[in-house]
């Protein structure tokens, strides 16, 4: 921030305005003054300069949380990026069933989510936003992409995997059509949810001060918090819970049951139950760490009431998505390797008749060689042996 002036002048009168967001407030105050709300709504008859609040020494719990963020950042980047490189190196993206392509998209979004970790490390230590509005939008983009796109990528993996078990020509046409439909769904989610969230991300200004007798304040501190007005007014917690959790969970459950039934009817070289097993763990890890975000403030406080006093429940809520991205790449990598092996074994001889056709090789044999040993003689242009 270039300056810390928060003056608004209307009718030649300076006053302070502020609004405290409770639903989407990701950070919380370290200096809890009783006069804070009154100060943000009180008419001040004189201009003033608000300074940033002093940074206190981090507690042991805050240092531990920062260490967890660093561990998650390392695991997310090393795991997901390495799997992307492995897919490119082994040419798995040439898979015509589109399963590997959606897995690559899954690794890419997970890696993008990790870009929000550095912001949260600093916020855990200083307890207020210090990077400006553009950085606030970048952080909200990383968080919203993980909450909105990852559930539907998991649904796409379930659907495309179920359709790829019977790779007939008709089914492959349906796979291409279904893959295009999921791409359109991703584009709609980005257009109508993610872009409005990024565009509405702003800094919420909060003023803290020590109240003196009368209408005077000895010191005034200004804090900024990254909030989403669009999420509070339009895309509320109830709508987000339905779109980002309930609908994907219902679709994943239906697809998992259908995939279980298909595997009993079709005999394959490699059991598809393993594919269902990997997808099950990806779903469990993601949804078990994401649905806490949509509870009300009172519910969160009641659930996390067991936490010690130096620790706030919002620290746990902000850490859970990074824990998910640091763990889900492991079953996804096993799924990628298993599906590549399955594709190699599922190629039937009827589909590729040229690979099993007989070939004639010319071998050199002397004219006096016996019929039993002519296939082991040096090459010659006069005598041949079919093998």
Protein backbone atom coordinates (compact mmCIF):
# COMPACT_ATOMS: atom_id res chain seq x y z
CA UNK A 1 0.00 0.00 0.00
CA UNK A 2 1.33 3.45 -0.91
CA UNK A 3 -0.36 5.22 1.95
CA UNK A 4 -2.63 4.57 4.88
CA UNK A 5 -5.04 7.49 4.52
CA UNK A 6 -8.71 6.49 4.72
CA UNK A 7 -10.40 9.86 4.52
CA UNK A 8 -13.78 10.36 2.86
CA UNK A 9 -15.09 13.88 2.48
CA UNK A 10 -18.76 14.62 1.93
CA UNK A 11 -20.22 18.08 2.52
CA UNK A 12 -16.85 19.28 3.85
CA UNK A 13 -16.99 16.72 6.68
CA UNK A 14 -14.51 13.88 7.18
CA UNK A 15 -15.79 10.63 8.61
CA UNK A 16 -14.94 6.95 8.76
CA UNK A 17 -16.90 4.19 7.10
CA UNK A 18 -16.38 0.50 7.39
CA UNK A 19 -18.17 -2.83 7.10
CA UNK A 20 -17.14 -6.02 8.81
CA UNK A 21 -17.74 -9.24 6.87
CA UNK A 22 -18.45 -12.34 8.93
CA UNK A 23 -19.21 -15.00 6.29
CA UNK A 24 -16.25 -14.68 3.94
CA UNK A 25 -13.73 -13.06 6.28
CA UNK A 26 -10.70 -15.31 5.93
CA UNK A 27 -8.54 -13.42 8.37
CA UNK A 28 -9.22 -12.13 11.84
CA UNK A 29 -8.14 -9.29 14.09
CA UNK A 30 -5.31 -9.48 16.53
CA UNK A 31 -6.20 -6.25 18.35
CA UNK A 32 -9.70 -6.65 19.71
CA UNK A 33 -10.92 -3.25 20.88
CA UNK A 34 -14.42 -2.79 22.22
CA UNK A 35 -14.73 0.53 20.42
CA UNK A 36 -13.83 -0.89 16.98
CA UNK A 37 -17.35 -1.09 15.55
CA UNK A 38 -18.28 2.27 17.04
CA UNK A 39 -15.13 3.82 15.64
CA UNK A 40 -15.85 2.57 12.12
CA UNK A 41 -19.29 4.20 12.20
CA UNK A 42 -18.58 7.34 14.24
CA UNK A 43 -18.46 10.77 12.68
CA UNK A 44 -15.01 12.27 13.32
CA UNK A 45 -14.94 16.08 13.04
CA UNK A 46 -11.26 16.27 12.14
CA UNK A 47 -8.93 14.62 9.60
CA UNK A 48 -6.54 11.96 10.78
CA UNK A 49 -3.92 9.50 9.56
CA UNK A 50 -4.33 5.80 10.27
CA UNK A 51 -1.15 3.75 10.58
CA UNK A 52 -0.76 -0.02 10.14
CA UNK A 53 -1.04 -2.02 13.35
CA UNK A 54 2.16 -3.22 14.99
CA UNK A 55 3.21 -6.80 14.25
CA UNK A 56 3.43 -8.93 17.34
CA UNK A 57 5.80 -11.85 17.79
CA UNK A 58 4.19 -15.03 16.40
CA UNK A 59 3.18 -17.65 18.92
CA UNK A 60 4.35 -21.25 18.79
CA UNK A 61 1.01 -22.29 17.31
CA UNK A 62 1.29 -19.72 14.54
CA UNK A 63 4.81 -20.89 13.73
CA UNK A 64 3.56 -24.49 13.64
CA UNK A 65 0.76 -23.53 11.24
CA UNK A 66 3.24 -21.74 9.02
CA UNK A 67 5.38 -24.87 8.97
CA UNK A 68 2.34 -26.93 7.93
CA UNK A 69 1.68 -24.48 5.09
CA UNK A 70 5.28 -24.88 3.92
CA UNK A 71 4.99 -28.67 4.01
CA UNK A 72 1.77 -28.53 2.01
CA UNK A 73 3.36 -26.16 -0.52
CA UNK A 74 6.30 -28.51 -1.01
CA UNK A 75 4.10 -31.58 -1.37
CA UNK A 76 1.69 -29.89 -3.78
CA UNK A 77 4.35 -28.52 -6.10
CA UNK A 78 6.63 -31.55 -6.08
CA UNK A 79 3.81 -34.07 -6.40
CA UNK A 80 1.55 -32.46 -8.98
CA UNK A 81 4.24 -30.90 -11.16
CA UNK A 82 6.24 -34.14 -11.23
CA UNK A 83 3.13 -36.04 -12.37
CA UNK A 84 2.53 -33.52 -15.14
CA UNK A 85 6.12 -33.95 -16.32
CA UNK A 86 5.77 -37.73 -16.12
CA UNK A 87 2.63 -37.64 -18.26
CA UNK A 88 4.45 -35.60 -20.89
CA UNK A 89 7.55 -37.80 -20.76
CA UNK A 90 5.66 -41.09 -21.07
CA UNK A 91 3.26 -39.64 -23.67
CA UNK A 92 0.21 -40.67 -21.66
CA UNK A 93 -1.68 -37.61 -22.88
CA UNK A 94 -2.12 -39.37 -26.24
CA UNK A 95 -4.71 -41.55 -24.52
CA UNK A 96 -7.84 -41.51 -26.72
CA UNK A 97 -10.13 -42.21 -23.75
CA UNK A 98 -9.44 -38.71 -22.33
CA UNK A 99 -8.84 -40.05 -18.82
CA UNK A 100 -5.21 -38.94 -18.81
CA UNK A 101 -6.19 -35.48 -20.09
CA UNK A 102 -8.58 -34.93 -17.17
CA UNK A 103 -5.93 -36.22 -14.77
CA UNK A 104 -3.49 -33.68 -16.19
CA UNK A 105 -6.11 -30.98 -15.66
CA UNK A 106 -6.53 -32.22 -12.08
CA UNK A 107 -2.77 -31.97 -11.43
CA UNK A 108 -2.66 -28.50 -13.00
CA UNK A 109 -5.47 -27.07 -10.84
CA UNK A 110 -3.92 -28.59 -7.72
CA UNK A 111 -0.60 -26.94 -8.54
CA UNK A 112 -2.37 -23.61 -9.12
CA UNK A 113 -4.08 -23.86 -5.73
CA UNK A 114 -0.65 -23.97 -4.07
CA UNK A 115 0.03 -20.39 -5.24
CA UNK A 116 -2.23 -19.16 -2.43
CA UNK A 117 -0.03 -20.72 0.25
CA UNK A 118 2.56 -17.87 0.50
CA UNK A 119 -0.21 -15.34 1.16
CA UNK A 120 -1.62 -17.46 3.98
CA UNK A 121 1.79 -17.97 5.57
CA UNK A 122 2.24 -14.22 5.92
CA UNK A 123 -1.34 -13.74 7.10
CA UNK A 124 -0.87 -16.40 9.76
CA UNK A 125 2.07 -14.45 11.14
CA UNK A 126 0.93 -10.80 10.87
CA UNK A 127 -2.87 -11.28 11.02
CA UNK A 128 -3.83 -8.67 8.41
CA UNK A 129 -3.61 -8.30 4.63
CA UNK A 130 -0.44 -6.50 3.55
CA UNK A 131 -0.21 -7.15 -0.22
CA UNK A 132 -2.77 -4.86 -1.85
CA UNK A 133 -5.93 -5.44 -3.86
CA UNK A 134 -4.35 -7.17 -6.88
CA UNK A 135 -2.74 -9.76 -4.64
CA UNK A 136 -6.11 -10.21 -2.94
CA UNK A 137 -7.65 -11.08 -6.30
CA UNK A 138 -4.88 -13.53 -7.11
CA UNK A 139 -5.37 -15.27 -3.77
CA UNK A 140 -9.15 -15.51 -4.21
CA UNK A 141 -8.61 -16.90 -7.73
CA UNK A 142 -6.45 -19.74 -6.41
CA UNK A 143 -8.92 -20.55 -3.64
CA UNK A 144 -12.05 -20.35 -5.81
CA UNK A 145 -10.59 -22.46 -8.62
CA UNK A 146 -9.87 -25.23 -6.14
CA UNK A 147 -13.33 -25.09 -4.59
CA UNK A 148 -15.27 -24.85 -7.86
CA UNK A 149 -13.39 -26.81 -10.55
CA UNK A 150 -11.80 -29.69 -8.63
CA UNK A 151 -15.13 -31.33 -7.64
CA UNK A 152 -16.32 -31.41 -11.25
CA UNK A 153 -12.98 -32.71 -12.51
CA UNK A 154 -13.46 -35.64 -10.12
CA UNK A 155 -16.96 -36.15 -11.55
CA UNK A 156 -15.50 -36.07 -15.07
CA UNK A 157 -12.96 -38.73 -14.11
CA UNK A 158 -15.76 -40.97 -12.84
CA UNK A 159 -17.86 -40.51 -15.98
CA UNK A 160 -15.07 -40.86 -18.55
CA UNK A 161 -13.58 -43.87 -16.76
CA UNK A 162 -16.93 -45.65 -16.74
CA UNK A 163 -17.41 -44.99 -20.45
CA UNK A 164 -13.87 -46.12 -21.29
CA UNK A 165 -14.22 -49.65 -19.95
CA UNK A 166 -15.92 -50.79 -23.17
CA UNK A 167 -13.85 -49.02 -25.87
CA UNK A 168 -16.11 -49.64 -28.85
CA UNK A 169 -16.29 -47.15 -31.66
CA UNK A 170 -19.72 -45.92 -30.58
CA UNK A 171 -18.51 -45.50 -27.01
CA UNK A 172 -15.46 -43.52 -28.13
CA UNK A 173 -17.69 -41.08 -29.97
CA UNK A 174 -19.72 -40.69 -26.78
CA UNK A 175 -16.49 -40.15 -24.83
CA UNK A 176 -15.46 -37.28 -27.09
CA UNK A 177 -18.92 -35.74 -26.80
CA UNK A 178 -18.96 -36.11 -23.01
CA UNK A 179 -15.46 -34.65 -22.72
CA UNK A 180 -16.59 -31.62 -24.72
CA UNK A 181 -19.62 -31.26 -22.44
CA UNK A 182 -17.39 -31.20 -19.36
CA UNK A 183 -15.15 -28.58 -20.98
CA UNK A 184 -18.26 -26.43 -21.55
CA UNK A 185 -19.30 -26.94 -17.91
CA UNK A 186 -15.83 -25.84 -16.75
CA UNK A 187 -16.06 -22.74 -18.95
CA UNK A 188 -19.49 -21.86 -17.52
CA UNK A 189 -18.21 -22.26 -13.96
CA UNK A 190 -15.29 -19.96 -14.72
CA UNK A 191 -17.52 -17.41 -16.46
CA UNK A 192 -20.36 -17.20 -13.94
CA UNK A 193 -18.65 -17.99 -10.63
CA UNK A 194 -14.88 -17.66 -10.66
CA UNK A 195 -14.59 -14.46 -12.72
CA UNK A 196 -17.26 -12.59 -10.66
CA UNK A 197 -15.55 -13.72 -7.45
CA UNK A 198 -12.17 -12.47 -8.67
CA UNK A 199 -13.64 -9.22 -9.94
CA UNK A 200 -15.45 -8.45 -6.70
CA UNK A 201 -12.53 -9.29 -4.41
CA UNK A 202 -11.65 -6.19 -2.44
CA UNK A 203 -10.01 -5.02 0.75
CA UNK A 204 -12.18 -4.40 3.79
CA UNK A 205 -10.78 -1.54 5.87
CA UNK A 206 -10.99 -1.77 9.64
CA UNK A 207 -9.99 0.95 12.10
CA UNK A 208 -8.77 0.21 15.62
CA UNK A 209 -8.12 2.79 18.30
CA UNK A 210 -7.72 3.46 22.02
CA UNK A 211 -10.60 5.57 23.24
CA UNK A 212 -9.80 8.57 25.44
CA UNK A 213 -12.28 10.64 27.48
CA UNK A 214 -14.55 12.61 25.21
CA UNK A 215 -14.46 12.04 21.44
CA UNK A 216 -10.67 11.70 21.12
CA UNK A 217 -8.56 8.66 20.24
CA UNK A 218 -4.92 8.44 21.16
CA UNK A 219 -3.84 6.06 18.34
CA UNK A 220 -5.66 4.79 15.28
CA UNK A 221 -4.59 1.64 13.43
CA UNK A 222 -5.80 0.58 10.01
CA UNK A 223 -6.10 -3.08 8.97
CA UNK A 224 -7.11 -4.59 5.62
CA UNK A 225 -8.89 -7.88 5.04
CA UNK A 226 -9.45 -9.67 1.74
CA UNK A 227 -13.23 -10.22 1.29
CA UNK A 228 -15.64 -11.15 -1.51
CA UNK A 229 -18.79 -8.96 -1.72
CA UNK A 230 -20.12 -11.09 -4.59
CA UNK A 231 -20.07 -14.14 -2.33
CA UNK A 232 -22.02 -12.31 0.37
CA UNK A 233 -24.68 -10.81 -1.88
CA UNK A 234 -25.19 -13.30 -4.75
CA UNK A 235 -23.11 -16.46 -4.40
CA UNK A 236 -23.99 -17.12 -0.77
CA UNK A 237 -22.78 -20.01 1.36
CA UNK A 238 -25.99 -21.96 0.71
CA UNK A 239 -25.69 -21.63 -3.08
CA UNK A 240 -21.97 -22.45 -2.95
CA UNK A 241 -22.65 -25.53 -0.80
CA UNK A 242 -25.18 -26.80 -3.34
CA UNK A 243 -23.02 -26.12 -6.43
CA UNK A 244 -19.59 -27.06 -5.10
CA UNK A 245 -20.36 -29.92 -2.70
CA UNK A 246 -23.84 -31.46 -2.85
CA UNK A 247 -24.17 -31.79 -6.64
CA UNK A 248 -20.63 -33.22 -7.19
CA UNK A 249 -21.03 -35.67 -4.28
CA UNK A 250 -24.35 -36.92 -5.68
CA UNK A 251 -22.87 -37.36 -9.16
CA UNK A 252 -19.77 -39.12 -7.83
CA UNK A 253 -21.90 -41.51 -5.78
CA UNK A 254 -24.10 -42.44 -8.75
CA UNK A 255 -21.08 -42.91 -11.04
CA UNK A 256 -19.24 -45.01 -8.45
CA UNK A 257 -22.23 -47.37 -8.06
CA UNK A 258 -22.65 -47.62 -11.82
CA UNK A 259 -18.93 -48.31 -12.28
CA UNK A 260 -19.16 -51.04 -9.65
CA UNK A 261 -21.99 -52.69 -11.54
CA UNK A 262 -20.23 -52.46 -14.90
CA UNK A 263 -17.09 -54.14 -13.60
CA UNK A 264 -19.14 -57.22 -12.59
CA UNK A 265 -20.55 -57.57 -16.10
CA UNK A 266 -17.39 -56.99 -18.15
CA UNK A 267 -14.30 -59.16 -17.74
CA UNK A 268 -11.06 -57.29 -18.34
CA UNK A 269 -7.41 -58.19 -18.15
CA UNK A 270 -6.93 -55.87 -15.19
CA UNK A 271 -9.60 -55.40 -12.53
CA UNK A 272 -11.31 -52.01 -12.83
CA UNK A 273 -12.09 -52.17 -9.11
CA UNK A 274 -8.67 -50.65 -8.57
CA UNK A 275 -9.69 -47.63 -10.65
CA UNK A 276 -12.81 -47.24 -8.53
CA UNK A 277 -10.62 -47.54 -5.44
CA UNK A 278 -8.33 -44.67 -6.51
CA UNK A 279 -11.26 -42.44 -7.47
CA UNK A 280 -12.91 -43.21 -4.13
CA UNK A 281 -9.89 -41.97 -2.18
CA UNK A 282 -9.59 -38.82 -4.31
CA UNK A 283 -13.24 -38.02 -3.59
CA UNK A 284 -12.99 -38.77 0.13
CA UNK A 285 -9.92 -36.60 0.64
CA UNK A 286 -11.30 -33.66 -1.33
CA UNK A 287 -14.86 -33.51 -0.01
CA UNK A 288 -13.91 -34.31 3.60
CA UNK A 289 -11.68 -31.22 3.68
CA UNK A 290 -13.86 -28.84 1.67
CA UNK A 291 -17.36 -28.96 3.18
CA UNK A 292 -16.27 -27.29 6.46
CA UNK A 293 -15.89 -23.99 4.63
CA UNK A 294 -19.65 -23.61 4.03
CA UNK A 295 -20.85 -23.86 7.61
CA UNK A 296 -22.07 -20.76 9.42
CA UNK A 297 -19.80 -18.90 11.81
CA UNK A 298 -21.69 -20.17 14.85
CA UNK A 299 -21.48 -23.78 13.64
CA UNK A 300 -17.76 -23.50 13.01
CA UNK A 301 -17.18 -22.06 16.47
CA UNK A 302 -19.18 -24.89 18.03
CA UNK A 303 -17.38 -27.62 16.08
CA UNK A 304 -13.89 -26.27 16.73
CA UNK A 305 -14.56 -25.36 20.35
CA UNK A 306 -11.97 -27.95 21.43
CA UNK A 307 -9.09 -25.91 19.95
CA UNK A 308 -6.77 -24.17 22.43
CA UNK A 309 -7.22 -20.44 22.90
CA UNK A 310 -4.19 -19.26 20.88
CA UNK A 311 -5.55 -21.13 17.85
CA UNK A 312 -8.48 -19.88 15.76
CA UNK A 313 -10.81 -22.14 13.79
CA UNK A 314 -10.29 -20.01 10.66
CA UNK A 315 -6.67 -21.13 10.62
CA UNK A 316 -7.84 -24.74 10.23
CA UNK A 317 -10.45 -23.84 7.58
CA UNK A 318 -7.81 -22.05 5.50
CA UNK A 319 -5.33 -24.92 5.86
CA UNK A 320 -7.66 -27.78 4.84
CA UNK A 321 -7.74 -27.07 1.05
CA UNK A 322 -3.94 -27.18 0.90
CA UNK A 323 -3.90 -30.45 2.83
CA UNK A 324 -6.30 -31.86 0.25
CA UNK A 325 -4.18 -30.75 -2.72
CA UNK A 326 -1.04 -32.12 -1.05
CA UNK A 327 -2.64 -35.59 -0.64
CA UNK A 328 -4.94 -36.16 -3.63
CA UNK A 329 -2.10 -36.19 -6.16
CA UNK A 330 -0.88 -39.52 -4.76
CA UNK A 331 -3.97 -41.66 -5.59
CA UNK A 332 -4.32 -39.66 -8.81
CA UNK A 333 -0.77 -40.62 -9.80
CA UNK A 334 -1.56 -44.29 -9.10
CA UNK A 335 -4.69 -43.94 -11.22
CA UNK A 336 -2.67 -42.44 -14.07
CA UNK A 337 -0.13 -45.28 -14.01
CA UNK A 338 -2.82 -47.94 -13.60
CA UNK A 339 -4.92 -46.58 -16.45
CA UNK A 340 -1.90 -46.47 -18.75
CA UNK A 341 -1.23 -50.12 -17.95
CA UNK A 342 -4.89 -50.96 -18.48
CA UNK A 343 -4.91 -49.27 -21.88
CA UNK A 344 -1.86 -51.25 -22.99
CA UNK A 345 -3.43 -54.57 -21.95
CA UNK A 346 -6.89 -53.84 -23.30
CA UNK A 347 -5.80 -53.65 -26.95
CA UNK A 348 -7.47 -56.65 -28.54
CA UNK A 349 -5.99 -58.49 -31.52
CA UNK A 350 -9.11 -57.78 -33.56
CA UNK A 351 -8.61 -54.07 -33.17
CA UNK A 352 -5.05 -54.19 -34.46
CA UNK A 353 -4.78 -57.08 -36.95
CA UNK A 354 -1.63 -55.74 -38.59
CA UNK A 355 0.38 -56.20 -35.39
CA UNK A 356 -0.15 -59.98 -35.38
CA UNK A 357 0.21 -60.61 -39.12
CA UNK A 358 2.92 -63.06 -40.26
CA UNK A 359 6.07 -61.67 -41.79
CA UNK A 360 8.51 -63.22 -44.27
CA UNK A 361 12.21 -62.79 -43.58
CA UNK A 362 14.89 -63.59 -46.13
CA UNK A 363 17.79 -65.57 -44.67
CA UNK A 364 21.04 -66.52 -46.46
CA UNK A 365 21.66 -70.25 -46.84
CA UNK A 366 24.18 -72.04 -49.01
CA UNK A 367 22.83 -74.30 -51.75
CA UNK A 368 24.37 -77.38 -50.14
CA UNK A 369 22.93 -76.76 -46.66
CA UNK A 370 20.48 -79.20 -45.23
CA UNK A 371 16.81 -78.37 -44.85
CA UNK A 372 17.04 -78.56 -41.05
CA UNK A 373 19.72 -75.91 -40.73
CA UNK A 374 19.00 -73.51 -43.56
CA UNK A 375 17.28 -71.03 -41.26
CA UNK A 376 20.51 -70.49 -39.29
CA UNK A 377 22.89 -69.85 -42.20
CA UNK A 378 24.25 -66.42 -43.24
CA UNK A 379 22.13 -64.19 -45.41
CA UNK A 380 21.99 -64.80 -49.16
CA UNK A 381 20.01 -63.41 -52.02
CA UNK A 382 19.47 -66.82 -53.54
CA UNK A 383 17.91 -68.87 -50.75
CA UNK A 384 15.07 -67.83 -48.41
CA UNK A 385 13.39 -69.20 -45.31
CA UNK A 386 9.96 -68.26 -44.01
CA UNK A 387 9.56 -67.72 -40.25
